[in-house]
Full PDB file with SEQRES, HELIX, SHEET, SSBOND, CRYST1, ORIGX, SCALE, CONECT and MASTER records, all heavy atoms in Angstrom:
SEQRES   1 A   32  ILE ALA SER VAL ILE LEU LEU SER ALA VAL GLY GLY ALA          
SEQRES   2 A   32  VAL ARG LEU VAL GLU ARG GLN LYS VAL LYS THR ARG LEU          
SEQRES   3 A   32  LYS ARG LEU GLU GLN GLU                                      
HELIX    1 AA1 ALA A    2  GLN A   31  1                                  30    
CRYST1    1.000    1.000    1.000  90.00  90.00  90.00 P 1           1          
ORIGX1      1.000000  0.000000  0.000000        0.00000                         
ORIGX2      0.000000  1.000000  0.000000        0.00000                         
ORIGX3      0.000000  0.000000  1.000000        0.00000                         
SCALE1      1.000000  0.000000  0.000000        0.00000                         
SCALE2      0.000000  1.000000  0.000000        0.00000                         
SCALE3      0.000000  0.000000  1.000000        0.00000                         
ATOM      1  N   ILE A   1      51.893 192.817 105.056  1.00  0.00           N  
ATOM      2  CA  ILE A   1      52.864 193.920 104.959  1.00  0.00           C  
ATOM      3  C   ILE A   1      53.148 194.502 106.338  1.00  0.00           C  
ATOM      4  O   ILE A   1      54.304 194.764 106.693  1.00  0.00           O  
ATOM      5  CB  ILE A   1      52.362 195.006 103.982  1.00  0.00           C  
ATOM      6  CG1 ILE A   1      52.379 194.474 102.551  1.00  0.00           C  
ATOM      7  CG2 ILE A   1      53.197 196.271 104.093  1.00  0.00           C  
ATOM      8  CD1 ILE A   1      51.744 195.394 101.537  1.00  0.00           C  
ATOM      9  N   ALA A   2      52.093 194.690 107.136  1.00  0.00           N  
ATOM     10  CA  ALA A   2      52.279 195.225 108.488  1.00  0.00           C  
ATOM     11  C   ALA A   2      53.123 194.276 109.344  1.00  0.00           C  
ATOM     12  O   ALA A   2      53.969 194.718 110.122  1.00  0.00           O  
ATOM     13  CB  ALA A   2      50.926 195.468 109.147  1.00  0.00           C  
ATOM     14  N   SER A   3      52.918 192.979 109.179  1.00  0.00           N  
ATOM     15  CA  SER A   3      53.709 191.999 109.936  1.00  0.00           C  
ATOM     16  C   SER A   3      55.183 192.072 109.548  1.00  0.00           C  
ATOM     17  O   SER A   3      56.066 192.035 110.414  1.00  0.00           O  
ATOM     18  CB  SER A   3      53.186 190.583 109.706  1.00  0.00           C  
ATOM     19  OG  SER A   3      51.859 190.464 110.146  1.00  0.00           O  
ATOM     20  N   VAL A   4      55.441 192.164 108.242  1.00  0.00           N  
ATOM     21  CA  VAL A   4      56.830 192.254 107.769  1.00  0.00           C  
ATOM     22  C   VAL A   4      57.486 193.529 108.296  1.00  0.00           C  
ATOM     23  O   VAL A   4      58.633 193.505 108.765  1.00  0.00           O  
ATOM     24  CB  VAL A   4      56.884 192.191 106.227  1.00  0.00           C  
ATOM     25  CG1 VAL A   4      58.251 192.585 105.709  1.00  0.00           C  
ATOM     26  CG2 VAL A   4      56.501 190.814 105.745  1.00  0.00           C  
ATOM     27  N   ILE A   5      56.764 194.631 108.256  1.00  0.00           N  
ATOM     28  CA  ILE A   5      57.310 195.898 108.750  1.00  0.00           C  
ATOM     29  C   ILE A   5      57.573 195.817 110.248  1.00  0.00           C  
ATOM     30  O   ILE A   5      58.629 196.249 110.732  1.00  0.00           O  
ATOM     31  CB  ILE A   5      56.364 197.068 108.410  1.00  0.00           C  
ATOM     32  CG1 ILE A   5      56.379 197.325 106.902  1.00  0.00           C  
ATOM     33  CG2 ILE A   5      56.733 198.329 109.175  1.00  0.00           C  
ATOM     34  CD1 ILE A   5      55.347 198.317 106.426  1.00  0.00           C  
ATOM     35  N   LEU A   6      56.638 195.242 110.982  1.00  0.00           N  
ATOM     36  CA  LEU A   6      56.813 195.116 112.427  1.00  0.00           C  
ATOM     37  C   LEU A   6      58.009 194.227 112.763  1.00  0.00           C  
ATOM     38  O   LEU A   6      58.834 194.573 113.614  1.00  0.00           O  
ATOM     39  CB  LEU A   6      55.545 194.550 113.069  1.00  0.00           C  
ATOM     40  CG  LEU A   6      55.582 194.359 114.579  1.00  0.00           C  
ATOM     41  CD1 LEU A   6      55.710 195.709 115.265  1.00  0.00           C  
ATOM     42  CD2 LEU A   6      54.339 193.637 115.045  1.00  0.00           C  
ATOM     43  N   LEU A   7      58.126 193.096 112.084  1.00  0.00           N  
ATOM     44  CA  LEU A   7      59.257 192.204 112.332  1.00  0.00           C  
ATOM     45  C   LEU A   7      60.582 192.872 111.961  1.00  0.00           C  
ATOM     46  O   LEU A   7      61.587 192.698 112.649  1.00  0.00           O  
ATOM     47  CB  LEU A   7      59.086 190.895 111.573  1.00  0.00           C  
ATOM     48  CG  LEU A   7      57.999 189.962 112.110  1.00  0.00           C  
ATOM     49  CD1 LEU A   7      57.826 188.765 111.175  1.00  0.00           C  
ATOM     50  CD2 LEU A   7      58.322 189.504 113.509  1.00  0.00           C  
ATOM     51  N   SER A   8      60.569 193.632 110.863  1.00  0.00           N  
ATOM     52  CA  SER A   8      61.786 194.346 110.458  1.00  0.00           C  
ATOM     53  C   SER A   8      62.166 195.398 111.500  1.00  0.00           C  
ATOM     54  O   SER A   8      63.344 195.570 111.806  1.00  0.00           O  
ATOM     55  CB  SER A   8      61.579 195.022 109.103  1.00  0.00           C  
ATOM     56  OG  SER A   8      61.344 194.062 108.111  1.00  0.00           O  
ATOM     57  N   ALA A   9      61.168 196.093 112.026  1.00  0.00           N  
ATOM     58  CA  ALA A   9      61.441 197.112 113.044  1.00  0.00           C  
ATOM     59  C   ALA A   9      62.004 196.478 114.308  1.00  0.00           C  
ATOM     60  O   ALA A   9      62.975 196.981 114.885  1.00  0.00           O  
ATOM     61  CB  ALA A   9      60.166 197.891 113.361  1.00  0.00           C  
ATOM     62  N   VAL A  10      61.422 195.363 114.729  1.00  0.00           N  
ATOM     63  CA  VAL A  10      61.923 194.675 115.923  1.00  0.00           C  
ATOM     64  C   VAL A  10      63.347 194.163 115.672  1.00  0.00           C  
ATOM     65  O   VAL A  10      64.239 194.327 116.507  1.00  0.00           O  
ATOM     66  CB  VAL A  10      60.978 193.519 116.333  1.00  0.00           C  
ATOM     67  CG1 VAL A  10      61.623 192.640 117.383  1.00  0.00           C  
ATOM     68  CG2 VAL A  10      59.657 194.074 116.840  1.00  0.00           C  
ATOM     69  N   GLY A  11      63.570 193.557 114.512  1.00  0.00           N  
ATOM     70  CA  GLY A  11      64.910 193.077 114.169  1.00  0.00           C  
ATOM     71  C   GLY A  11      65.911 194.212 114.106  1.00  0.00           C  
ATOM     72  O   GLY A  11      67.050 194.077 114.585  1.00  0.00           O  
ATOM     73  N   GLY A  12      65.517 195.334 113.520  1.00  0.00           N  
ATOM     74  CA  GLY A  12      66.410 196.491 113.456  1.00  0.00           C  
ATOM     75  C   GLY A  12      66.733 197.045 114.833  1.00  0.00           C  
ATOM     76  O   GLY A  12      67.867 197.425 115.105  1.00  0.00           O  
ATOM     77  N   ALA A  13      65.726 197.081 115.695  1.00  0.00           N  
ATOM     78  CA  ALA A  13      65.954 197.569 117.059  1.00  0.00           C  
ATOM     79  C   ALA A  13      66.907 196.648 117.809  1.00  0.00           C  
ATOM     80  O   ALA A  13      67.820 197.120 118.507  1.00  0.00           O  
ATOM     81  CB  ALA A  13      64.625 197.687 117.803  1.00  0.00           C  
ATOM     82  N   VAL A  14      66.723 195.347 117.656  1.00  0.00           N  
ATOM     83  CA  VAL A  14      67.611 194.383 118.319  1.00  0.00           C  
ATOM     84  C   VAL A  14      69.030 194.547 117.789  1.00  0.00           C  
ATOM     85  O   VAL A  14      70.003 194.552 118.552  1.00  0.00           O  
ATOM     86  CB  VAL A  14      67.096 192.936 118.119  1.00  0.00           C  
ATOM     87  CG1 VAL A  14      68.148 191.921 118.526  1.00  0.00           C  
ATOM     88  CG2 VAL A  14      65.815 192.715 118.890  1.00  0.00           C  
ATOM     89  N   ARG A  15      69.152 194.686 116.478  1.00  0.00           N  
ATOM     90  CA  ARG A  15      70.484 194.855 115.888  1.00  0.00           C  
ATOM     91  C   ARG A  15      71.146 196.142 116.373  1.00  0.00           C  
ATOM     92  O   ARG A  15      72.345 196.170 116.654  1.00  0.00           O  
ATOM     93  CB  ARG A  15      70.365 194.861 114.367  1.00  0.00           C  
ATOM     94  CG  ARG A  15      71.698 194.940 113.686  1.00  0.00           C  
ATOM     95  CD  ARG A  15      71.586 194.728 112.203  1.00  0.00           C  
ATOM     96  NE  ARG A  15      72.917 194.711 111.619  1.00  0.00           N  
ATOM     97  CZ  ARG A  15      73.217 195.232 110.464  1.00  0.00           C  
ATOM     98  NH1 ARG A  15      72.262 195.766 109.729  1.00  0.00           N  
ATOM     99  NH2 ARG A  15      74.431 195.190 109.991  1.00  0.00           N  
ATOM    100  N   LEU A  16      70.366 197.202 116.474  1.00  0.00           N  
ATOM    101  CA  LEU A  16      70.892 198.479 116.943  1.00  0.00           C  
ATOM    102  C   LEU A  16      71.375 198.371 118.389  1.00  0.00           C  
ATOM    103  O   LEU A  16      72.461 198.851 118.720  1.00  0.00           O  
ATOM    104  CB  LEU A  16      69.805 199.557 116.835  1.00  0.00           C  
ATOM    105  CG  LEU A  16      70.216 200.995 117.061  1.00  0.00           C  
ATOM    106  CD1 LEU A  16      71.182 201.437 115.971  1.00  0.00           C  
ATOM    107  CD2 LEU A  16      68.994 201.880 117.065  1.00  0.00           C  
ATOM    108  N   VAL A  17      70.597 197.705 119.227  1.00  0.00           N  
ATOM    109  CA  VAL A  17      70.991 197.536 120.630  1.00  0.00           C  
ATOM    110  C   VAL A  17      72.256 196.687 120.723  1.00  0.00           C  
ATOM    111  O   VAL A  17      73.187 197.021 121.477  1.00  0.00           O  
ATOM    112  CB  VAL A  17      69.838 196.911 121.444  1.00  0.00           C  
ATOM    113  CG1 VAL A  17      70.309 196.448 122.800  1.00  0.00           C  
ATOM    114  CG2 VAL A  17      68.681 197.893 121.585  1.00  0.00           C  
ATOM    115  N   GLU A  18      72.317 195.613 119.957  1.00  0.00           N  
ATOM    116  CA  GLU A  18      73.504 194.756 119.980  1.00  0.00           C  
ATOM    117  C   GLU A  18      74.731 195.496 119.473  1.00  0.00           C  
ATOM    118  O   GLU A  18      75.830 195.353 120.018  1.00  0.00           O  
ATOM    119  CB  GLU A  18      73.270 193.487 119.155  1.00  0.00           C  
ATOM    120  CG  GLU A  18      72.320 192.515 119.795  1.00  0.00           C  
ATOM    121  CD  GLU A  18      72.795 192.011 121.140  1.00  0.00           C  
ATOM    122  OE1 GLU A  18      74.006 191.729 121.297  1.00  0.00           O  
ATOM    123  OE2 GLU A  18      71.962 191.924 122.055  1.00  0.00           O  
ATOM    124  N   ARG A  19      74.549 196.291 118.424  1.00  0.00           N  
ATOM    125  CA  ARG A  19      75.673 197.068 117.883  1.00  0.00           C  
ATOM    126  C   ARG A  19      76.178 198.061 118.924  1.00  0.00           C  
ATOM    127  O   ARG A  19      77.386 198.243 119.093  1.00  0.00           O  
ATOM    128  CB  ARG A  19      75.232 197.795 116.621  1.00  0.00           C  
ATOM    129  CG  ARG A  19      76.325 198.659 116.017  1.00  0.00           C  
ATOM    130  CD  ARG A  19      75.830 199.361 114.803  1.00  0.00           C  
ATOM    131  NE  ARG A  19      76.274 198.602 113.655  1.00  0.00           N  
ATOM    132  CZ  ARG A  19      76.013 198.914 112.419  1.00  0.00           C  
ATOM    133  NH1 ARG A  19      75.239 199.943 112.153  1.00  0.00           N  
ATOM    134  NH2 ARG A  19      76.471 198.192 111.430  1.00  0.00           N  
ATOM    135  N   GLN A  20      75.245 198.684 119.655  1.00  0.00           N  
ATOM    136  CA  GLN A  20      75.622 199.634 120.696  1.00  0.00           C  
ATOM    137  C   GLN A  20      76.385 198.921 121.814  1.00  0.00           C  
ATOM    138  O   GLN A  20      77.377 199.453 122.333  1.00  0.00           O  
ATOM    139  CB  GLN A  20      74.368 200.317 121.260  1.00  0.00           C  
ATOM    140  CG  GLN A  20      74.671 201.525 122.105  1.00  0.00           C  
ATOM    141  CD  GLN A  20      75.309 202.648 121.322  1.00  0.00           C  
ATOM    142  OE1 GLN A  20      75.109 202.795 120.123  1.00  0.00           O  
ATOM    143  NE2 GLN A  20      76.113 203.442 121.988  1.00  0.00           N  
ATOM    144  N   LYS A  21      75.944 197.711 122.166  1.00  0.00           N  
ATOM    145  CA  LYS A  21      76.652 196.937 123.191  1.00  0.00           C  
ATOM    146  C   LYS A  21      78.067 196.612 122.734  1.00  0.00           C  
ATOM    147  O   LYS A  21      79.019 196.696 123.514  1.00  0.00           O  
ATOM    148  CB  LYS A  21      75.907 195.632 123.492  1.00  0.00           C  
ATOM    149  CG  LYS A  21      74.697 195.809 124.356  1.00  0.00           C  
ATOM    150  CD  LYS A  21      74.055 194.449 124.622  1.00  0.00           C  
ATOM    151  CE  LYS A  21      72.801 194.554 125.436  1.00  0.00           C  
ATOM    152  NZ  LYS A  21      72.188 193.228 125.667  1.00  0.00           N  
ATOM    153  N   VAL A  22      78.220 196.227 121.469  1.00  0.00           N  
ATOM    154  CA  VAL A  22      79.549 195.889 120.938  1.00  0.00           C  
ATOM    155  C   VAL A  22      80.441 197.129 120.938  1.00  0.00           C  
ATOM    156  O   VAL A  22      81.618 197.054 121.306  1.00  0.00           O  
ATOM    157  CB  VAL A  22      79.430 195.284 119.524  1.00  0.00           C  
ATOM    158  CG1 VAL A  22      80.775 195.213 118.839  1.00  0.00           C  
ATOM    159  CG2 VAL A  22      78.797 193.912 119.594  1.00  0.00           C  
ATOM    160  N   LYS A  23      79.890 198.279 120.553  1.00  0.00           N  
ATOM    161  CA  LYS A  23      80.682 199.515 120.551  1.00  0.00           C  
ATOM    162  C   LYS A  23      81.135 199.867 121.965  1.00  0.00           C  
ATOM    163  O   LYS A  23      82.283 200.256 122.173  1.00  0.00           O  
ATOM    164  CB  LYS A  23      79.867 200.675 119.976  1.00  0.00           C  
ATOM    165  CG  LYS A  23      79.801 200.700 118.487  1.00  0.00           C  
ATOM    166  CD  LYS A  23      79.053 201.932 118.008  1.00  0.00           C  
ATOM    167  CE  LYS A  23      78.971 201.981 116.507  1.00  0.00           C  
ATOM    168  NZ  LYS A  23      78.242 203.180 116.049  1.00  0.00           N  
ATOM    169  N   THR A  24      80.234 199.705 122.924  1.00  0.00           N  
ATOM    170  CA  THR A  24      80.572 200.003 124.315  1.00  0.00           C  
ATOM    171  C   THR A  24      81.662 199.068 124.811  1.00  0.00           C  
ATOM    172  O   THR A  24      82.629 199.503 125.461  1.00  0.00           O  
ATOM    173  CB  THR A  24      79.318 199.874 125.203  1.00  0.00           C  
ATOM    174  OG1 THR A  24      78.303 200.744 124.713  1.00  0.00           O  
ATOM    175  CG2 THR A  24      79.628 200.225 126.643  1.00  0.00           C  
ATOM    176  N   ARG A  25      81.533 197.791 124.486  1.00  0.00           N  
ATOM    177  CA  ARG A  25      82.543 196.812 124.912  1.00  0.00           C  
ATOM    178  C   ARG A  25      83.890 197.097 124.254  1.00  0.00           C  
ATOM    179  O   ARG A  25      84.948 197.016 124.893  1.00  0.00           O  
ATOM    180  CB  ARG A  25      82.072 195.406 124.553  1.00  0.00           C  
ATOM    181  CG  ARG A  25      82.980 194.345 125.067  1.00  0.00           C  
ATOM    182  CD  ARG A  25      82.368 192.970 124.919  1.00  0.00           C  
ATOM    183  NE  ARG A  25      83.257 191.978 125.486  1.00  0.00           N  
ATOM    184  CZ  ARG A  25      83.589 190.857 124.881  1.00  0.00           C  
ATOM    185  NH1 ARG A  25      83.077 190.544 123.725  1.00  0.00           N  
ATOM    186  NH2 ARG A  25      84.409 190.017 125.446  1.00  0.00           N  
ATOM    187  N   LEU A  26      83.868 197.433 122.949  1.00  0.00           N  
ATOM    188  CA  LEU A  26      85.100 197.749 122.236  1.00  0.00           C  
ATOM    189  C   LEU A  26      85.770 198.987 122.829  1.00  0.00           C  
ATOM    190  O   LEU A  26      86.998 199.003 123.010  1.00  0.00           O  
ATOM    191  CB  LEU A  26      84.803 197.961 120.750  1.00  0.00           C  
ATOM    192  CG  LEU A  26      85.984 198.225 119.848  1.00  0.00           C  
ATOM    193  CD1 LEU A  26      86.935 197.038 119.861  1.00  0.00           C  
ATOM    194  CD2 LEU A  26      85.509 198.500 118.435  1.00  0.00           C  
ATOM    195  N   LYS A  27      84.974 199.980 123.169  1.00  0.00           N  
ATOM    196  CA  LYS A  27      85.534 201.192 123.772  1.00  0.00           C  
ATOM    197  C   LYS A  27      86.171 200.875 125.117  1.00  0.00           C  
ATOM    198  O   LYS A  27      87.266 201.357 125.424  1.00  0.00           O  
ATOM    199  CB  LYS A  27      84.428 202.233 123.949  1.00  0.00           C  
ATOM    200  CG  LYS A  27      84.911 203.566 124.398  1.00  0.00           C  
ATOM    201  CD  LYS A  27      83.780 204.574 124.435  1.00  0.00           C  
ATOM    202  CE  LYS A  27      84.275 205.939 124.869  1.00  0.00           C  
ATOM    203  NZ  LYS A  27      83.200 206.920 124.917  1.00  0.00           N  
ATOM    204  N   ARG A  28      85.496 200.033 125.917  1.00  0.00           N  
ATOM    205  CA  ARG A  28      86.042 199.645 127.211  1.00  0.00           C  
ATOM    206  C   ARG A  28      87.363 198.878 127.035  1.00  0.00           C  
ATOM    207  O   ARG A  28      88.337 199.113 127.753  1.00  0.00           O  
ATOM    208  CB  ARG A  28      85.032 198.795 127.978  1.00  0.00           C  
ATOM    209  CG  ARG A  28      85.440 198.572 129.430  1.00  0.00           C  
ATOM    210  CD  ARG A  28      84.476 197.700 130.188  1.00  0.00           C  
ATOM    211  NE  ARG A  28      84.688 196.315 129.772  1.00  0.00           N  
ATOM    212  CZ  ARG A  28      83.756 195.524 129.258  1.00  0.00           C  
ATOM    213  NH1 ARG A  28      82.544 195.974 129.079  1.00  0.00           N  
ATOM    214  NH2 ARG A  28      84.023 194.278 128.916  1.00  0.00           N  
ATOM    215  N   LEU A  29      87.403 197.971 126.048  1.00  0.00           N  
ATOM    216  CA  LEU A  29      88.625 197.210 125.792  1.00  0.00           C  
ATOM    217  C   LEU A  29      89.761 198.115 125.330  1.00  0.00           C  
ATOM    218  O   LEU A  29      90.925 197.921 125.707  1.00  0.00           O  
ATOM    219  CB  LEU A  29      88.362 196.109 124.764  1.00  0.00           C  
ATOM    220  CG  LEU A  29      87.517 194.936 125.251  1.00  0.00           C  
ATOM    221  CD1 LEU A  29      87.191 194.008 124.087  1.00  0.00           C  
ATOM    222  CD2 LEU A  29      88.233 194.180 126.350  1.00  0.00           C  
ATOM    223  N   GLU A  30      89.425 199.116 124.509  1.00  0.00           N  
ATOM    224  CA  GLU A  30      90.451 200.061 124.063  1.00  0.00           C  
ATOM    225  C   GLU A  30      91.000 200.867 125.239  1.00  0.00           C  
ATOM    226  O   GLU A  30      92.199 201.122 125.319  1.00  0.00           O  
ATOM    227  CB  GLU A  30      89.888 200.996 123.002  1.00  0.00           C  
ATOM    228  CG  GLU A  30      89.687 200.335 121.657  1.00  0.00           C  
ATOM    229  CD  GLU A  30      88.989 201.234 120.648  1.00  0.00           C  
ATOM    230  OE1 GLU A  30      88.557 202.349 121.019  1.00  0.00           O  
ATOM    231  OE2 GLU A  30      88.873 200.818 119.487  1.00  0.00           O  
ATOM    232  N   GLN A  31      90.118 201.255 126.163  1.00  0.00           N  
ATOM    233  CA  GLN A  31      90.570 201.983 127.344  1.00  0.00           C  
ATOM    234  C   GLN A  31      91.463 201.100 128.207  1.00  0.00           C  
ATOM    235  O   GLN A  31      92.490 201.554 128.717  1.00  0.00           O  
ATOM    236  CB  GLN A  31      89.375 202.476 128.163  1.00  0.00           C  
ATOM    237  CG  GLN A  31      88.624 203.610 127.510  1.00  0.00           C  
ATOM    238  CD  GLN A  31      87.346 203.969 128.254  1.00  0.00           C  
ATOM    239  OE1 GLN A  31      86.872 203.216 129.090  1.00  0.00           O  
ATOM    240  NE2 GLN A  31      86.788 205.121 127.932  1.00  0.00           N  
ATOM    241  N   GLU A  32      91.079 199.837 128.370  1.00  0.00           N  
ATOM    242  CA  GLU A  32      91.898 198.910 129.140  1.00  0.00           C  
ATOM    243  C   GLU A  32      93.259 198.708 128.481  1.00  0.00           C  
ATOM    244  O   GLU A  32      94.283 198.628 129.162  1.00  0.00           O  
ATOM    245  CB  GLU A  32      91.179 197.566 129.294  1.00  0.00           C  
ATOM    246  CG  GLU A  32      90.009 197.599 130.239  1.00  0.00           C  
ATOM    247  CD  GLU A  32      89.248 196.290 130.291  1.00  0.00           C  
ATOM    248  OE1 GLU A  32      89.677 195.298 129.646  1.00  0.00           O  
ATOM    249  OE2 GLU A  32      88.208 196.244 130.970  1.00  0.00           O  
TER     250      GLU A  32                                                      
MASTER        0    0    0    1    0    0    0    6  249    1    0    3          
END                                                                             
């Protein structure tokens, strides 16, 4: 259970960072 939770947390963090990168890129493209 701890392994599943840890992997889910790492996956969620990676997804959150990637989503933030996409939002930043989209905002930059909209400004351009």
